[in-house]
Amino acid sequence: MHPHHLRAQTRNAFTLVELLVVIAIIGVLIALLLPAVQQAREAARRSQCVNNLKQLALAMHNFHDTNNIFPHCFYTKNPGNTNTWEQWHRFSASYKILPFIEQENLYNQFNLDGTWGYNRDNPMNVRLEAFLCPSSPPATDAAGISWGGPGSNYGWCSGSSPYTAHSCDRSGCNGMITTKVETKMADATDGLSNTVFVSEFLSGDGKDGTPRYPFDILYTGDDTPFNNIVNKDFPTQAEIDAIGQTVEGGASGERSNNGTLWGWYSHGQSLLNTAVPPNWKYPSAGGNCCPGGAHDWGRGFIGARSMHPGGVNAGLGDGSVRFVPETVDLLTWQRMGNARDGQVVTLP
C-alpha cells in the first residue's frame, strides 16, 4: 500500500486513557484554584465590610460635628414614658445617622408620632447595604419570623459590661453608644483611637426553637449568673465560660430574630458589647429573655461575630477600622470597648 494511504488512515482522536488523564488534570487544577478564588472573593467582601464600618464611624463624627453630641439608641416620641409597649418600641443610633449616610429621605419617612407598626413595616424594613456585611448570611424577613427584617450586621458598642438596653445608662454601660445617655467626644477619655465604636454581629437563623451556633441567642432563664459577675466592667474568663457552658448545656430558650432590624434600639439589633471575645466559642447568651431578639430587660453577652476567617472588623472612634483576631486577649478587647477605664491598649 502506498505510504500516502497509510497516513490517511491515521486516527487523530484521543484515546479513552488520554481523555481520562485530561479530565483528571482539569479536576486537579480546579481543586487547586478553588481555594484561591474563594479567598479572593472573601477578601473583596471583607474590604466592603471595612468600607461600611468606616462610613458608619465617619457618619457618627459628622453627626457630632452638627449636634455636638453622639446619638444614643433610645429614640421615641415620649422619652419619659414607662409604658411597656413604648419602652421597647424605640429607635437606634443607626436610624439617627441616616442623613449622614445619604439616606435623608428615608430618615424623613420615620414618624415618631405614628404607630410602631408603620415604622417597622415601612422605613425600618428597607434593606440598606450600609448595615450589611456581604460575608454574613442574610437575615430572615418578617414573612419568615416574627419581628424579622431586612438585616443588621453592625452594632454600636455599649462597652464591656453585660448590661443591656434598659439598664444601659452611664453607670451600667461604659462604652460610647448607650441607650439612656448621649455622649461627647470628650467622654472617650481613653482616646478615640483606643475605643471601639462599632463592630459586627450575625443574624439569627430565623427558626425559634432550634438553636444554632453561632447565629442564635440563648438564655439562662435568670439574670443571676450575670449579676454575680464580680466586676461588671471586666468579666473574667472563668465567669464568661461558666455562663457559656450553661446555655450550651441546656438553655431555657432562644431567639432567632436578632440581626434583622437595623433601626431597632436593642442589643443584637443595633448594639453589642465586648464582654466576651470576638467569635466567642460559646453561643451569644442572655439571662432573662430577650437581649438580642426582642426587648432588653435582662443582661447579656451580645458579642462581636462575623464570618470572616479568624476575627471581626471593628470601627474605632477615630474613624479607622481594624481587624481584631478572635485570639485577642480578653481583657484587651474589654478595654477597647470601655471608653473610660484609664488604660491605653495595643492590638496585636
Protein backbone atom coordinates (compact mmCIF):
# COMPACT_ATOMS: atom_id res chain seq x y z
CA MET A 1 0.00 0.00 0.00
CA HIS A 2 1.18 3.46 -0.86
CA PRO A 3 2.57 5.41 2.19
CA HIS A 4 0.13 8.23 1.45
CA HIS A 5 -2.80 5.90 2.11
CA LEU A 6 -1.24 4.77 5.39
CA ARG A 7 -1.06 8.37 6.59
CA ALA A 8 -4.68 8.96 5.59
CA GLN A 9 -5.82 6.13 7.84
CA THR A 10 -4.02 7.51 10.95
CA ARG A 11 -6.56 8.39 13.77
CA ASN A 12 -6.43 11.86 15.34
CA ALA A 13 -8.94 11.25 18.21
CA PHE A 14 -7.99 10.95 21.90
CA THR A 15 -7.88 7.51 23.34
CA LEU A 16 -10.00 6.81 26.42
CA VAL A 17 -6.92 6.77 28.62
CA GLU A 18 -5.76 10.15 27.27
CA LEU A 19 -9.24 11.63 27.84
CA LEU A 20 -9.32 10.41 31.43
CA VAL A 21 -5.88 11.89 32.04
CA VAL A 22 -7.02 15.30 30.71
CA ILE A 23 -10.15 15.19 32.88
CA ALA A 24 -8.04 14.30 35.92
CA ILE A 25 -5.66 17.19 35.23
CA ILE A 26 -8.58 19.62 34.89
CA GLY A 27 -10.01 18.34 38.18
CA VAL A 28 -6.69 18.87 39.95
CA LEU A 29 -6.39 22.39 38.55
CA ILE A 30 -9.91 23.27 39.70
CA ALA A 31 -9.16 21.87 43.17
CA LEU A 32 -6.02 23.99 43.32
CA LEU A 33 -7.68 27.15 42.04
CA LEU A 34 -10.95 26.99 44.01
CA PRO A 35 -9.46 27.98 47.40
CA ALA A 36 -7.68 30.90 45.74
CA VAL A 37 -10.93 32.04 44.13
CA GLN A 38 -12.77 31.73 47.43
CA GLN A 39 -10.05 33.67 49.21
CA ALA A 40 -10.21 36.41 46.60
CA ARG A 41 -13.97 36.65 46.99
CA GLU A 42 -13.73 36.81 50.78
CA ALA A 43 -11.03 39.47 50.51
CA ALA A 44 -13.41 41.55 48.39
CA ARG A 45 -16.27 41.01 50.83
CA ARG A 46 -14.09 41.90 53.79
CA SER A 47 -12.94 45.05 52.01
CA GLN A 48 -16.58 46.07 51.51
CA CYS A 49 -17.26 45.37 55.18
CA VAL A 50 -14.33 47.58 56.18
CA ASN A 51 -15.68 50.34 53.97
CA ASN A 52 -19.16 50.03 55.55
CA LEU A 53 -17.73 50.35 59.04
CA LYS A 54 -15.58 53.30 58.07
CA GLN A 55 -18.62 55.09 56.62
CA LEU A 56 -20.64 54.42 59.78
CA ALA A 57 -17.84 55.69 62.02
CA LEU A 58 -17.46 58.83 59.90
CA ALA A 59 -21.23 59.36 59.96
CA MET A 60 -21.02 59.39 63.76
CA HIS A 61 -18.35 62.08 63.56
CA ASN A 62 -20.43 64.14 61.15
CA PHE A 63 -23.43 63.83 63.45
CA HIS A 64 -21.27 65.02 66.35
CA ASP A 65 -19.94 67.93 64.29
CA THR A 66 -23.52 69.01 63.61
CA ASN A 67 -25.06 68.33 67.03
CA ASN A 68 -22.03 68.45 69.37
CA ILE A 69 -23.08 65.04 70.70
CA PHE A 70 -23.26 61.40 69.61
CA PRO A 71 -26.69 59.81 69.17
CA HIS A 72 -27.91 57.12 71.56
CA CYS A 73 -30.15 54.09 70.91
CA PHE A 74 -33.41 55.05 72.62
CA TYR A 75 -35.38 57.42 70.40
CA THR A 76 -39.14 57.58 70.80
CA LYS A 77 -42.00 60.08 70.79
CA ASN A 78 -42.22 60.17 74.60
CA PRO A 79 -38.76 59.54 76.12
CA GLY A 80 -40.11 59.52 79.68
CA ASN A 81 -42.98 57.11 79.02
CA THR A 82 -42.68 53.95 81.13
CA ASN A 83 -45.46 52.11 79.31
CA THR A 84 -44.12 48.66 78.47
CA TRP A 85 -45.22 48.84 74.84
CA GLU A 86 -43.43 52.11 74.22
CA GLN A 87 -40.40 51.14 76.29
CA TRP A 88 -39.23 48.63 73.71
CA HIS A 89 -40.58 50.28 70.57
CA ARG A 90 -37.64 52.63 70.23
CA PHE A 91 -35.19 53.55 67.50
CA SER A 92 -31.44 53.36 67.41
CA ALA A 93 -28.44 55.48 66.55
CA SER A 94 -28.50 53.77 63.14
CA TYR A 95 -31.81 55.50 62.46
CA LYS A 96 -30.47 58.82 63.70
CA ILE A 97 -27.42 58.89 61.41
CA LEU A 98 -29.37 58.15 58.20
CA PRO A 99 -28.95 61.74 56.90
CA PHE A 100 -25.17 61.30 57.24
CA ILE A 101 -25.06 58.16 55.07
CA GLU A 102 -27.04 59.76 52.22
CA GLN A 103 -30.39 58.44 53.44
CA GLU A 104 -32.12 61.66 54.47
CA ASN A 105 -35.28 60.79 52.50
CA LEU A 106 -35.58 57.52 54.41
CA TYR A 107 -34.95 59.33 57.70
CA ASN A 108 -37.83 61.68 56.96
CA GLN A 109 -40.17 58.72 56.44
CA PHE A 110 -39.93 57.75 60.11
CA ASN A 111 -42.91 59.03 62.06
CA LEU A 112 -42.38 59.06 65.81
CA ASP A 113 -45.96 60.31 66.19
CA GLY A 114 -47.27 57.30 64.31
CA THR A 115 -47.58 53.65 65.24
CA TRP A 116 -44.62 51.35 65.79
CA GLY A 117 -46.03 49.02 63.15
CA TYR A 118 -45.86 51.73 60.49
CA ASN A 119 -42.16 52.40 61.16
CA ARG A 120 -41.26 48.73 61.46
CA ASP A 121 -43.10 47.73 58.27
CA ASN A 122 -42.06 50.72 56.18
CA PRO A 123 -38.87 52.78 56.65
CA MET A 124 -37.19 50.29 59.00
CA ASN A 125 -37.97 47.45 56.59
CA VAL A 126 -35.86 48.98 53.82
CA ARG A 127 -32.74 46.97 53.06
CA LEU A 128 -29.63 49.14 53.40
CA GLU A 129 -26.25 47.83 52.23
CA ALA A 130 -24.61 50.20 54.73
CA PHE A 131 -25.76 47.91 57.55
CA LEU A 132 -24.99 44.58 55.87
CA CYS A 133 -21.73 42.62 55.80
CA PRO A 134 -21.54 40.75 52.46
CA SER A 135 -19.84 37.79 54.17
CA SER A 136 -22.75 37.22 56.55
CA PRO A 137 -25.78 35.04 55.77
CA PRO A 138 -28.94 37.05 55.06
CA ALA A 139 -31.45 37.79 57.80
CA THR A 140 -34.92 36.25 57.88
CA ASP A 141 -37.59 38.74 56.85
CA ALA A 142 -40.92 39.41 58.54
CA ALA A 143 -42.61 36.75 56.42
CA GLY A 144 -40.27 34.13 57.88
CA ILE A 145 -40.23 35.06 61.58
CA SER A 146 -41.97 37.50 63.89
CA TRP A 147 -40.01 40.75 64.04
CA GLY A 148 -37.91 39.70 61.08
CA GLY A 149 -36.44 42.31 58.80
CA PRO A 150 -34.01 43.28 56.04
CA GLY A 151 -30.86 42.61 58.07
CA SER A 152 -28.48 44.26 60.53
CA ASN A 153 -24.84 43.14 60.82
CA TYR A 154 -23.32 46.14 62.61
CA GLY A 155 -23.78 47.06 66.24
CA TRP A 156 -22.70 50.14 68.19
CA CYS A 157 -20.52 49.28 71.15
CA SER A 158 -22.14 49.83 74.55
CA GLY A 159 -18.96 48.85 76.38
CA SER A 160 -17.54 45.85 78.19
CA SER A 161 -20.30 45.15 80.70
CA PRO A 162 -23.21 42.69 80.25
CA TYR A 163 -25.85 45.35 80.88
CA THR A 164 -28.30 45.57 78.01
CA ALA A 165 -30.53 48.34 76.76
CA HIS A 166 -32.90 49.20 79.60
CA SER A 167 -30.08 49.18 82.14
CA CYS A 168 -27.54 50.67 79.76
CA ASP A 169 -27.08 54.12 81.27
CA ARG A 170 -23.78 55.82 82.14
CA SER A 171 -23.37 53.77 85.33
CA GLY A 172 -24.24 50.44 83.67
CA CYS A 173 -22.56 50.74 80.27
CA ASN A 174 -19.07 52.13 79.82
CA GLY A 175 -18.99 52.41 76.03
CA MET A 176 -19.61 55.42 73.83
CA ILE A 177 -23.03 54.44 72.43
CA THR A 178 -25.64 53.56 75.05
CA THR A 179 -29.40 53.88 75.38
CA LYS A 180 -30.04 56.30 78.21
CA VAL A 181 -27.18 58.77 77.73
CA GLU A 182 -25.83 60.77 74.81
CA THR A 183 -22.04 61.15 74.91
CA LYS A 184 -19.49 63.57 73.53
CA MET A 185 -16.01 63.04 72.14
CA ALA A 186 -14.57 64.24 75.43
CA ASP A 187 -16.24 61.27 77.16
CA ALA A 188 -13.81 58.89 75.43
CA THR A 189 -11.13 59.66 77.99
CA ASP A 190 -9.04 56.69 76.84
CA GLY A 191 -8.80 58.30 73.41
CA LEU A 192 -10.98 57.77 70.35
CA SER A 193 -8.31 55.70 68.62
CA ASN A 194 -8.40 53.23 71.54
CA THR A 195 -12.19 52.88 71.73
CA VAL A 196 -14.45 50.59 69.69
CA PHE A 197 -17.48 52.43 68.30
CA VAL A 198 -18.95 49.76 66.07
CA SER A 199 -18.32 46.15 65.11
CA GLU A 200 -20.02 43.15 63.54
CA PHE A 201 -22.60 40.58 64.54
CA LEU A 202 -24.57 37.86 62.77
CA SER A 203 -28.26 37.49 62.12
CA GLY A 204 -30.24 34.69 63.72
CA ASP A 205 -31.28 31.76 61.54
CA GLY A 206 -34.98 32.65 61.80
CA LYS A 207 -36.02 29.34 63.41
CA ASP A 208 -37.14 29.85 67.01
CA GLY A 209 -36.91 26.63 68.99
CA THR A 210 -33.94 25.22 67.10
CA PRO A 211 -30.79 26.87 68.50
CA ARG A 212 -27.95 27.18 66.03
CA TYR A 213 -24.44 28.34 66.87
CA PRO A 214 -23.10 30.93 66.17
CA PHE A 215 -26.22 32.68 64.86
CA ASP A 216 -28.90 32.49 67.55
CA ILE A 217 -29.02 33.87 71.10
CA LEU A 218 -29.68 31.52 74.02
CA TYR A 219 -30.96 32.28 77.54
CA THR A 220 -30.22 31.01 81.03
CA GLY A 221 -33.70 31.97 82.23
CA ASP A 222 -32.26 34.02 85.08
CA ASP A 223 -30.09 37.13 85.32
CA THR A 224 -28.39 35.80 88.46
CA PRO A 225 -25.28 34.39 86.71
CA PHE A 226 -24.70 37.80 85.11
CA ASN A 227 -25.47 39.73 88.31
CA ASN A 228 -22.96 37.55 90.18
CA ILE A 229 -20.07 38.75 88.00
CA VAL A 230 -17.76 40.43 90.50
CA ASN A 231 -16.54 43.27 88.29
CA LYS A 232 -19.23 44.02 85.72
CA ASP A 233 -16.82 46.14 83.67
CA PHE A 234 -14.40 43.23 83.23
CA PRO A 235 -15.99 39.76 83.46
CA THR A 236 -13.29 37.14 83.88
CA GLN A 237 -12.64 34.24 81.53
CA ALA A 238 -13.96 31.82 84.15
CA GLU A 239 -17.16 33.86 84.63
CA ILE A 240 -18.00 34.13 80.96
CA ASP A 241 -17.14 30.48 80.27
CA ALA A 242 -19.41 29.31 83.09
CA ILE A 243 -22.35 31.17 81.55
CA GLY A 244 -21.44 29.94 78.08
CA GLN A 245 -21.36 26.34 79.28
CA THR A 246 -24.74 26.81 80.99
CA VAL A 247 -26.56 27.85 77.85
CA GLU A 248 -24.66 25.38 75.68
CA GLY A 249 -25.62 22.56 78.01
CA GLY A 250 -29.33 23.36 78.15
CA ALA A 251 -30.74 26.83 77.55
CA SER A 252 -34.16 27.83 78.85
CA GLY A 253 -34.97 29.37 75.49
CA GLU A 254 -33.58 31.09 72.42
CA ARG A 255 -34.36 33.77 69.87
CA SER A 256 -33.53 33.76 66.18
CA ASN A 257 -34.70 37.20 65.03
CA ASN A 258 -31.59 39.05 66.15
CA GLY A 259 -29.74 40.96 63.45
CA THR A 260 -32.87 41.71 61.46
CA LEU A 261 -33.90 45.34 62.11
CA TRP A 262 -31.13 47.92 61.79
CA GLY A 263 -33.28 50.72 63.26
CA TRP A 264 -34.37 48.89 66.42
CA TYR A 265 -32.64 50.01 69.60
CA SER A 266 -31.79 46.67 71.24
CA HIS A 267 -28.63 44.63 71.70
CA GLY A 268 -28.32 42.22 68.81
CA GLN A 269 -30.15 44.64 66.52
CA SER A 270 -28.18 47.89 66.92
CA LEU A 271 -25.94 47.34 69.95
CA LEU A 272 -23.26 44.88 71.05
CA ASN A 273 -20.74 44.61 73.88
CA THR A 274 -17.14 43.47 74.32
CA ALA A 275 -17.74 41.39 77.45
CA VAL A 276 -16.77 38.26 75.50
CA PRO A 277 -14.08 37.83 72.83
CA PRO A 278 -14.84 38.11 69.11
CA ASN A 279 -16.41 34.94 67.69
CA TRP A 280 -16.80 33.59 71.22
CA LYS A 281 -16.69 29.78 71.31
CA TYR A 282 -20.00 29.65 73.18
CA PRO A 283 -23.39 30.90 71.97
CA SER A 284 -24.32 34.53 72.49
CA ALA A 285 -26.18 34.47 75.79
CA GLY A 286 -28.77 36.36 77.78
CA GLY A 287 -30.28 35.98 81.25
CA ASN A 288 -33.97 36.73 81.21
CA CYS A 289 -35.39 36.99 77.71
CA CYS A 290 -34.65 38.76 75.43
CA PRO A 291 -31.43 40.66 74.74
CA GLY A 292 -30.68 40.23 71.07
CA GLY A 293 -34.00 39.09 69.72
CA ALA A 294 -36.56 41.38 71.25
CA HIS A 295 -36.73 43.85 74.13
CA ASP A 296 -33.85 44.18 76.57
CA TRP A 297 -34.91 43.74 80.17
CA GLY A 298 -32.11 41.35 81.05
CA ARG A 299 -28.35 41.07 80.91
CA GLY A 300 -26.45 39.52 78.04
CA PHE A 301 -23.23 38.67 76.31
CA ILE A 302 -24.06 40.04 72.86
CA GLY A 303 -20.59 39.99 71.41
CA ALA A 304 -18.94 40.72 68.07
CA ARG A 305 -19.24 37.95 65.49
CA SER A 306 -18.50 37.59 61.79
CA MET A 307 -17.99 35.02 59.06
CA HIS A 308 -14.56 36.45 58.26
CA PRO A 309 -11.95 33.77 58.97
CA GLY A 310 -10.16 34.42 62.24
CA GLY A 311 -11.81 37.53 63.64
CA VAL A 312 -14.02 40.59 63.17
CA ASN A 313 -13.71 44.10 61.80
CA ALA A 314 -14.12 46.93 64.29
CA GLY A 315 -14.58 50.64 63.65
CA LEU A 316 -12.76 52.80 66.20
CA GLY A 317 -13.68 56.21 67.47
CA ASP A 318 -11.17 57.99 65.27
CA GLY A 319 -12.82 56.60 62.12
CA SER A 320 -10.23 53.90 61.47
CA VAL A 321 -11.12 50.22 61.06
CA ARG A 322 -9.08 47.36 62.48
CA PHE A 323 -9.32 43.61 62.04
CA VAL A 324 -9.42 42.14 65.54
CA PRO A 325 -8.36 38.47 65.76
CA GLU A 326 -10.57 36.14 67.77
CA THR A 327 -7.43 35.19 69.71
CA VAL A 328 -7.16 38.71 71.14
CA ASP A 329 -6.58 38.83 74.89
CA LEU A 330 -9.97 39.06 76.63
CA LEU A 331 -9.02 41.95 78.87
CA THR A 332 -7.53 43.86 75.94
CA TRP A 333 -10.78 43.51 73.99
CA GLN A 334 -12.83 44.55 77.01
CA ARG A 335 -10.67 47.64 77.49
CA MET A 336 -11.22 48.55 73.84
CA GLY A 337 -14.97 48.59 74.46
CA ASN A 338 -14.62 50.52 77.70
CA ALA A 339 -14.14 54.19 76.82
CA ARG A 340 -13.17 55.36 80.30
CA ASP A 341 -11.13 52.71 82.11
CA GLY A 342 -7.92 54.75 82.00
CA GLN A 343 -5.90 52.18 80.09
CA VAL A 344 -4.43 52.56 76.62
CA VAL A 345 -4.47 49.25 74.75
CA THR A 346 -2.45 47.98 71.84
CA LEU A 347 -3.81 45.42 69.41
CA PRO A 348 -1.53 42.68 68.09
